[in-house]
């Protein structure tokens, strides 16, 4: 059994589904069984995650990027 934990910013449900499927495929390609592979996505709000003294929400706003809710 494999458990893969991923921390990332918020994504749409379509993106979450694709991420989970892709990670599972990589694990299977490396010997894990599909049914034994669990993927857990920990989504972080971009207002509580920062780099270089600015939140990622601030960085996105400065670049004119709209973040998913």
N, C-alpha and C. Protein backbone atom coordinates (compact mmCIF):
# COMPACT_ATOMS: atom_id res chain seq x y z
N UNK A 1 0.84 -1.17 0.00
CA UNK A 1 0.00 0.00 0.00
C UNK A 1 0.89 1.24 0.00
N UNK A 2 0.46 2.25 -0.73
CA UNK A 2 1.19 3.52 -0.78
C UNK A 2 0.23 4.65 -0.45
N UNK A 3 0.70 5.59 0.35
CA UNK A 3 -0.07 6.80 0.63
C UNK A 3 0.79 7.98 0.20
N UNK A 4 0.26 8.77 -0.71
CA UNK A 4 0.99 9.94 -1.23
C UNK A 4 0.24 11.18 -0.76
N UNK A 5 0.96 12.05 -0.05
CA UNK A 5 0.36 13.31 0.44
C UNK A 5 0.97 14.46 -0.36
N UNK A 6 0.09 15.35 -0.84
CA UNK A 6 0.54 16.47 -1.66
C UNK A 6 -0.03 17.77 -1.09
N UNK A 7 0.84 18.74 -0.85
CA UNK A 7 0.40 20.07 -0.43
C UNK A 7 0.45 20.98 -1.65
N UNK A 8 -0.64 21.68 -1.91
CA UNK A 8 -0.71 22.55 -3.08
C UNK A 8 -1.77 23.60 -2.86
N UNK A 9 -1.76 24.60 -3.73
CA UNK A 9 -2.80 25.62 -3.69
C UNK A 9 -4.11 25.05 -4.20
N UNK A 10 -5.17 25.80 -4.00
CA UNK A 10 -6.50 25.33 -4.40
C UNK A 10 -6.57 25.04 -5.89
N UNK A 11 -7.30 23.99 -6.22
CA UNK A 11 -7.49 23.57 -7.61
C UNK A 11 -8.97 23.31 -7.86
N UNK A 12 -9.35 23.28 -9.13
CA UNK A 12 -10.72 22.91 -9.48
C UNK A 12 -10.87 21.40 -9.29
N UNK A 13 -12.11 20.93 -9.24
CA UNK A 13 -12.32 19.49 -9.08
C UNK A 13 -11.73 18.72 -10.25
N UNK A 14 -11.84 19.27 -11.44
CA UNK A 14 -11.26 18.62 -12.62
C UNK A 14 -9.75 18.46 -12.46
N UNK A 15 -9.09 19.49 -11.96
CA UNK A 15 -7.64 19.42 -11.74
C UNK A 15 -7.31 18.42 -10.64
N UNK A 16 -8.08 18.40 -9.57
CA UNK A 16 -7.84 17.43 -8.49
C UNK A 16 -7.93 16.01 -9.02
N UNK A 17 -8.98 15.75 -9.81
CA UNK A 17 -9.16 14.41 -10.37
C UNK A 17 -7.96 14.02 -11.22
N UNK A 18 -7.48 14.95 -12.05
CA UNK A 18 -6.34 14.67 -12.93
C UNK A 18 -5.06 14.44 -12.13
N UNK A 19 -4.86 15.21 -11.06
CA UNK A 19 -3.68 15.04 -10.22
C UNK A 19 -3.69 13.68 -9.55
N UNK A 20 -4.83 13.31 -8.97
CA UNK A 20 -4.94 12.01 -8.30
C UNK A 20 -4.71 10.87 -9.29
N UNK A 21 -5.31 10.97 -10.46
CA UNK A 21 -5.13 9.93 -11.48
C UNK A 21 -3.67 9.85 -11.92
N UNK A 22 -3.05 11.00 -12.17
CA UNK A 22 -1.66 11.02 -12.62
C UNK A 22 -0.69 10.45 -11.60
N UNK A 23 -0.87 10.83 -10.34
CA UNK A 23 0.01 10.31 -9.29
C UNK A 23 -0.17 8.81 -9.16
N UNK A 24 -1.41 8.34 -9.22
CA UNK A 24 -1.67 6.90 -9.14
C UNK A 24 -0.98 6.18 -10.29
N UNK A 25 -1.06 6.73 -11.50
CA UNK A 25 -0.41 6.10 -12.66
C UNK A 25 1.11 6.02 -12.47
N UNK A 26 1.71 7.07 -11.91
CA UNK A 26 3.16 7.05 -11.66
C UNK A 26 3.51 5.97 -10.64
N UNK A 27 2.71 5.87 -9.59
CA UNK A 27 2.97 4.85 -8.58
C UNK A 27 2.84 3.45 -9.16
N UNK A 28 1.82 3.22 -9.98
CA UNK A 28 1.62 1.91 -10.61
C UNK A 28 2.80 1.60 -11.53
N UNK A 29 3.27 2.59 -12.27
CA UNK A 29 4.42 2.39 -13.17
C UNK A 29 5.68 2.02 -12.39
N UNK A 30 5.67 2.32 -11.09
CA UNK A 30 6.83 2.02 -10.25
C UNK A 30 6.56 0.90 -9.26
N UNK A 31 5.58 0.04 -9.58
CA UNK A 31 5.39 -1.19 -8.82
C UNK A 31 4.26 -1.22 -7.82
N UNK A 32 3.59 -0.11 -7.57
CA UNK A 32 2.47 -0.11 -6.62
C UNK A 32 1.22 -0.65 -7.30
N UNK A 33 0.29 -1.14 -6.51
CA UNK A 33 -0.99 -1.58 -7.06
C UNK A 33 -1.96 -0.40 -7.02
N UNK A 34 -2.74 -0.25 -8.08
CA UNK A 34 -3.67 0.87 -8.18
C UNK A 34 -4.61 0.94 -6.98
N UNK A 35 -5.22 -0.19 -6.63
CA UNK A 35 -6.18 -0.20 -5.53
C UNK A 35 -5.53 0.03 -4.17
N UNK A 36 -4.23 -0.17 -4.09
CA UNK A 36 -3.53 0.05 -2.84
C UNK A 36 -2.89 1.42 -2.74
N UNK A 37 -3.11 2.26 -3.75
CA UNK A 37 -2.51 3.59 -3.77
C UNK A 37 -3.53 4.63 -3.35
N UNK A 38 -3.21 5.36 -2.29
CA UNK A 38 -4.07 6.43 -1.81
C UNK A 38 -3.36 7.76 -2.03
N UNK A 39 -4.09 8.74 -2.53
CA UNK A 39 -3.54 10.08 -2.75
C UNK A 39 -4.38 11.06 -1.94
N UNK A 40 -3.71 11.85 -1.11
CA UNK A 40 -4.39 12.83 -0.28
C UNK A 40 -3.88 14.21 -0.67
N UNK A 41 -4.80 15.07 -1.09
CA UNK A 41 -4.44 16.44 -1.46
C UNK A 41 -4.76 17.37 -0.29
N UNK A 42 -3.75 18.10 0.15
CA UNK A 42 -3.93 19.11 1.18
C UNK A 42 -3.89 20.46 0.48
N UNK A 43 -5.06 21.08 0.33
CA UNK A 43 -5.12 22.35 -0.37
C UNK A 43 -4.95 23.50 0.62
N UNK A 44 -4.05 24.39 0.29
CA UNK A 44 -3.76 25.53 1.14
C UNK A 44 -4.31 26.79 0.48
N UNK A 45 -4.94 27.62 1.28
CA UNK A 45 -5.40 28.91 0.79
C UNK A 45 -4.16 29.77 0.52
N UNK A 46 -4.15 30.45 -0.58
CA UNK A 46 -2.98 31.24 -0.95
C UNK A 46 -2.76 32.46 -0.05
N UNK A 47 -3.73 32.75 0.83
CA UNK A 47 -3.56 33.83 1.79
C UNK A 47 -2.79 33.40 3.02
N UNK A 48 -2.58 32.10 3.19
CA UNK A 48 -1.86 31.61 4.37
C UNK A 48 -0.53 30.95 3.99
N UNK A 49 -0.11 31.15 2.75
CA UNK A 49 1.10 30.52 2.25
C UNK A 49 1.92 31.62 1.59
N UNK A 50 3.15 31.79 2.01
CA UNK A 50 3.93 32.89 1.48
C UNK A 50 5.36 32.53 1.15
N UNK A 51 5.99 33.47 0.45
CA UNK A 51 7.39 33.32 0.06
C UNK A 51 7.95 34.73 -0.08
N UNK A 52 9.14 34.95 0.44
CA UNK A 52 9.78 36.24 0.27
C UNK A 52 9.02 37.40 0.88
N UNK A 53 8.28 37.14 1.97
CA UNK A 53 7.57 38.20 2.66
C UNK A 53 6.20 38.55 2.09
N UNK A 54 5.75 37.83 1.07
CA UNK A 54 4.44 38.09 0.47
C UNK A 54 3.67 36.78 0.37
N UNK A 55 2.35 36.88 0.57
CA UNK A 55 1.54 35.68 0.36
C UNK A 55 1.47 35.39 -1.13
N UNK A 56 1.14 34.15 -1.45
CA UNK A 56 0.99 33.80 -2.86
C UNK A 56 -0.21 34.52 -3.47
N UNK A 57 -1.20 34.86 -2.65
CA UNK A 57 -2.34 35.64 -3.14
C UNK A 57 -1.87 37.03 -3.57
N UNK A 58 -1.00 37.65 -2.77
CA UNK A 58 -0.45 38.95 -3.13
C UNK A 58 0.37 38.86 -4.42
N UNK A 59 1.19 37.84 -4.52
CA UNK A 59 2.02 37.66 -5.72
C UNK A 59 1.15 37.49 -6.96
N UNK A 60 0.09 36.70 -6.83
CA UNK A 60 -0.80 36.47 -7.97
C UNK A 60 -1.48 37.77 -8.38
N UNK A 61 -1.97 38.54 -7.39
CA UNK A 61 -2.64 39.80 -7.68
C UNK A 61 -1.70 40.76 -8.40
N UNK A 62 -0.45 40.81 -7.98
CA UNK A 62 0.53 41.69 -8.62
C UNK A 62 0.76 41.32 -10.08
N UNK A 63 0.57 40.03 -10.39
CA UNK A 63 0.78 39.56 -11.76
C UNK A 63 -0.52 39.48 -12.55
N UNK A 64 -1.63 39.91 -11.94
CA UNK A 64 -2.92 39.88 -12.62
C UNK A 64 -3.51 38.49 -12.78
N UNK A 65 -3.11 37.57 -11.90
CA UNK A 65 -3.59 36.19 -11.96
C UNK A 65 -4.76 36.02 -11.00
N UNK A 66 -5.84 35.44 -11.49
CA UNK A 66 -7.00 35.13 -10.65
C UNK A 66 -6.86 33.71 -10.13
N UNK A 67 -6.89 33.56 -8.82
CA UNK A 67 -6.74 32.24 -8.20
C UNK A 67 -8.09 31.57 -8.04
N UNK A 68 -8.13 30.22 -8.12
CA UNK A 68 -9.38 29.50 -7.86
C UNK A 68 -9.81 29.66 -6.41
N UNK A 69 -11.09 29.57 -6.16
CA UNK A 69 -11.60 29.68 -4.78
C UNK A 69 -11.88 28.34 -4.21
